[in-house]
Amino acid sequence: MFASIRRYRLHEGPMEDLMRRVDEGFAEQISGQPGFCSYEALDCGDGEVVTISVFGEAGQAEASRELAQRWSDENLGDLRFTRLEALRGEILVSRAVEDMLEPMHADASREFCSVRRYRLRDGSVDELMHVVDQKFADRICELPGFVAYHALDAGGEILSISLFSEQAQAEKSDELALAFVEEELGAFDIERTEVIGGRVGVSRAIADVLEPAHA
């Protein structure tokens, strides 16, 4: 699977209106695209929005970026927002439970997502991901409220995405991840550079996302 992650800043207009439009329009469009696995739109506070699109193949994930740009131009012209950053990469480790398949709608969202970013200065990405797969992925699955976990190679960066039922549970996963890096990844020169947390305002997923990915 491949992920496309986009960050935006909403300068004018209510966040509730933006999420409602995404829920009623874009989420339905993207979930019908070839290779679709999952989509989340996160309200990260202070006007920041993060979207996460997961597809079976790299080209399909790239096409979702183009779809997002066209849809935004056509449907969000009255809202002033800018794209801050775009990230992409192959998901090498993944776990998810059936709760992932329950759609989240703008008027009744409840899940929380944490995106952790790392810089690997020395060491093999493949070897690191193998350790994550063998020693961390199943451990995070055991935390209360677990919904999904993805770890991806974003080309010079390692990203992990954790979805939980509640914010406190997602924050607990951040603590577990930090301890894991310190205790188990000493052979790698790796640094956590940023943690982005957000309430899941909109989500869609199909059963393909439940298939584990192993490094």
Foldseek 3Di string as FASTA:
>chain_A
DKKKKWKKAFDDDDPLVVQQCCAVPVQVVLCPFPQWFKKFWFDQPNRMIMIMTDGDDPVSNVVSVVVVVVCCVVPVPVTDMDIDDMFMFDFQWKAFDPVQADKAAQVHFFKKKKKWKKAFPDDDPVVVQQCCRVPPPVVLVPQPFWGMKTWGDRDRMIMMMTMGRHDVSNVVVVVVVVVCCVPPVPVTPMDTDDMGMGTGNTMHGDPVRNDTHHD
